[in-house]
C-alpha atoms as a PDB file:
ATOM      1  CA  GLU A   1      93.350  -6.785 -81.005  1.00  0.00           C
ATOM      2  CA  THR A   2      91.519  -3.917 -79.288  1.00  0.00           C
ATOM      3  CA  PHE A   3      93.139  -4.607 -75.932  1.00  0.00           C
ATOM      4  CA  SER A   4      96.619  -4.815 -77.439  1.00  0.00           C
ATOM      5  CA  LEU A   5      96.098  -1.456 -79.146  1.00  0.00           C
ATOM      6  CA  ALA A   6      94.822   0.048 -75.890  1.00  0.00           C
ATOM      7  CA  TYR A   7      97.797  -1.409 -74.002  1.00  0.00           C
ATOM      8  CA  GLU A   8     100.298   0.024 -76.483  1.00  0.00           C
ATOM      9  CA  GLY A   9      98.489   3.352 -76.678  1.00  0.00           C
ATOM     10  CA  ASP A  10      98.400   3.629 -72.900  1.00  0.00           C
ATOM     11  CA  SER A  11     102.150   3.106 -72.754  1.00  0.00           C
ATOM     12  CA  LEU A  12     102.806   5.758 -75.375  1.00  0.00           C
ATOM     13  CA  VAL A  13     100.523   8.270 -73.660  1.00  0.00           C
ATOM     14  CA  ALA A  14     102.243   7.632 -70.314  1.00  0.00           C
ATOM     15  CA  ILE A  15     105.681   8.194 -71.837  1.00  0.00           C
ATOM     16  CA  ALA A  16     104.541  11.397 -73.577  1.00  0.00           C
ATOM     17  CA  ALA A  17     102.921  12.663 -70.361  1.00  0.00           C
ATOM     18  CA  GLY A  18     106.128  12.032 -68.437  1.00  0.00           C
ATOM     19  CA  LYS A  19     108.219  13.859 -71.017  1.00  0.00           C
ATOM     20  CA  LEU A  20     105.824  16.836 -71.051  1.00  0.00           C
ATOM     21  CA  ALA A  21     105.785  16.926 -67.248  1.00  0.00           C
ATOM     22  CA  GLY A  22     109.593  16.987 -67.255  1.00  0.00           C
ATOM     23  CA  VAL A  23     109.660  19.880 -69.706  1.00  0.00           C
ATOM     24  CA  ALA A  24     107.055  21.756 -67.653  1.00  0.00           C
ATOM     25  CA  ALA A  25     109.019  21.143 -64.442  1.00  0.00           C
ATOM     26  CA  ASN A  26     112.222  22.440 -66.043  1.00  0.00           C
ATOM     27  CA  ALA A  27     110.446  25.525 -67.355  1.00  0.00           C
ATOM     28  CA  ARG A  28     108.264  26.466 -64.365  1.00  0.00           C
ATOM     29  CA  GLY A  29     109.709  24.610 -61.396  1.00  0.00           C
ATOM     30  CA  PRO A  30     108.069  21.948 -59.251  1.00  0.00           C
ATOM     31  CA  THR A  31     104.557  23.288 -59.899  1.00  0.00           C
ATOM     32  CA  GLY A  32     104.997  23.254 -63.688  1.00  0.00           C
ATOM     33  CA  PRO A  33     103.387  19.840 -64.258  1.00  0.00           C
ATOM     34  CA  PHE A  34     100.356  20.924 -62.230  1.00  0.00           C
ATOM     35  CA  ASP A  35     100.052  24.123 -64.245  1.00  0.00           C
ATOM     36  CA  LEU A  36     100.233  22.050 -67.424  1.00  0.00           C
ATOM     37  CA  SER A  37      97.536  19.708 -66.133  1.00  0.00           C
ATOM     38  CA  ILE A  38      95.140  22.655 -65.803  1.00  0.00           C
ATOM     39  CA  VAL A  39      95.729  23.535 -69.459  1.00  0.00           C
ATOM     40  CA  VAL A  40      95.210  19.928 -70.574  1.00  0.00           C
ATOM     41  CA  LEU A  41      92.042  19.625 -68.474  1.00  0.00           C
ATOM     42  CA  ALA A  42      90.639  22.833 -69.952  1.00  0.00           C
ATOM     43  CA  ALA A  43      91.451  21.667 -73.483  1.00  0.00           C
ATOM     44  CA  GLY A  44      89.713  18.348 -72.841  1.00  0.00           C
ATOM     45  CA  ALA A  45      86.670  20.135 -71.449  1.00  0.00           C
ATOM     46  CA  LEU A  46      86.451  22.321 -74.555  1.00  0.00           C
ATOM     47  CA  VAL A  47      86.754  19.342 -76.895  1.00  0.00           C
ATOM     48  CA  SER A  48      84.047  17.504 -74.947  1.00  0.00           C
ATOM     49  CA  ALA A  49      81.753  20.520 -74.811  1.00  0.00           C
ATOM     50  CA  PHE A  50      81.824  21.082 -78.564  1.00  0.00           C
ATOM     51  CA  SER A  51      81.992  17.503 -79.853  1.00  0.00           C
ATOM     52  CA  TRP A  52      79.701  15.572 -77.457  1.00  0.00           C
ATOM     53  CA  ARG A  53      76.540  14.344 -79.130  1.00  0.00           C
ATOM     54  CA  GLU A  54      73.908  13.544 -76.539  1.00  0.00           C
ATOM     55  CA  ASN A  55      71.780  10.498 -77.169  1.00  0.00           C
ATOM     56  CA  THR A  56      68.331  12.101 -77.192  1.00  0.00           C
ATOM     57  CA  ALA A  57      65.121  11.334 -79.036  1.00  0.00           C
ATOM     58  CA  ARG A  58      64.506  13.199 -82.250  1.00  0.00           C
ATOM     59  CA  ASP A  59      61.231  14.819 -83.318  1.00  0.00           C
ATOM     60  CA  GLY A  60      58.591  12.198 -84.047  1.00  0.00           C
ATOM     61  CA  SER A  61      60.477   9.491 -82.160  1.00  0.00           C
ATOM     62  CA  ARG A  62      59.469   7.726 -79.017  1.00  0.00           C
ATOM     63  CA  SER A  63      60.834   9.128 -75.782  1.00  0.00           C
ATOM     64  CA  VAL A  64      63.456   7.194 -73.860  1.00  0.00           C
ATOM     65  CA  LYS A  65      60.892   6.094 -71.252  1.00  0.00           C
ATOM     66  CA  GLU A  66      58.496   4.888 -73.943  1.00  0.00           C
ATOM     67  CA  SER A  67      61.293   2.978 -75.670  1.00  0.00           C
ATOM     68  CA  LYS A  68      62.383   1.263 -72.449  1.00  0.00           C
ATOM     69  CA  ALA A  69      58.807   0.375 -71.491  1.00  0.00           C
ATOM     70  CA  SER A  70      58.148  -1.036 -74.954  1.00  0.00           C
ATOM     71  CA  ASP A  71      61.390  -3.030 -74.920  1.00  0.00           C
ATOM     72  CA  MET A  72      60.571  -4.441 -71.470  1.00  0.00           C
ATOM     73  CA  SER A  73      57.099  -5.527 -72.546  1.00  0.00           C
ATOM     74  CA  GLU A  74      58.494  -7.179 -75.686  1.00  0.00           C
ATOM     75  CA  ASP A  75      61.122  -9.038 -73.641  1.00  0.00           C
ATOM     76  CA  SER A  76      58.591 -10.216 -71.070  1.00  0.00           C
ATOM     77  CA  SER A  77      56.147 -11.394 -73.773  1.00  0.00           C
ATOM     78  CA  LYS A  78      58.918 -13.499 -75.315  1.00  0.00           C
ATOM     79  CA  ASN A  79      59.518 -15.170 -71.948  1.00  0.00           C
ATOM     80  CA  GLY A  80      55.821 -15.732 -71.323  1.00  0.00           C
ATOM     81  CA  ALA A  81      55.649 -13.300 -68.402  1.00  0.00           C
ATOM     82  CA  THR A  82      53.107 -10.557 -67.995  1.00  0.00           C
ATOM     83  CA  ILE A  83      53.638  -7.075 -66.703  1.00  0.00           C
END
């Protein structure tokens, strides 16, 4: 189901991008789609900058290195190996 939704969504985004590029080309000439791409890139960068939640340890939690080391030792003890 996920792949079918992605396939359909990809098609719709491609059609919309083509239509917007055509409008931009009619309005600004052959460089219009490139000008529009700068605007879209900047908008995407702003959305990413303000909505991205980094996966970091919280206060009182183990650090990422400690978590990985602990997970590796647990996995190796299950398999009978020693570190």
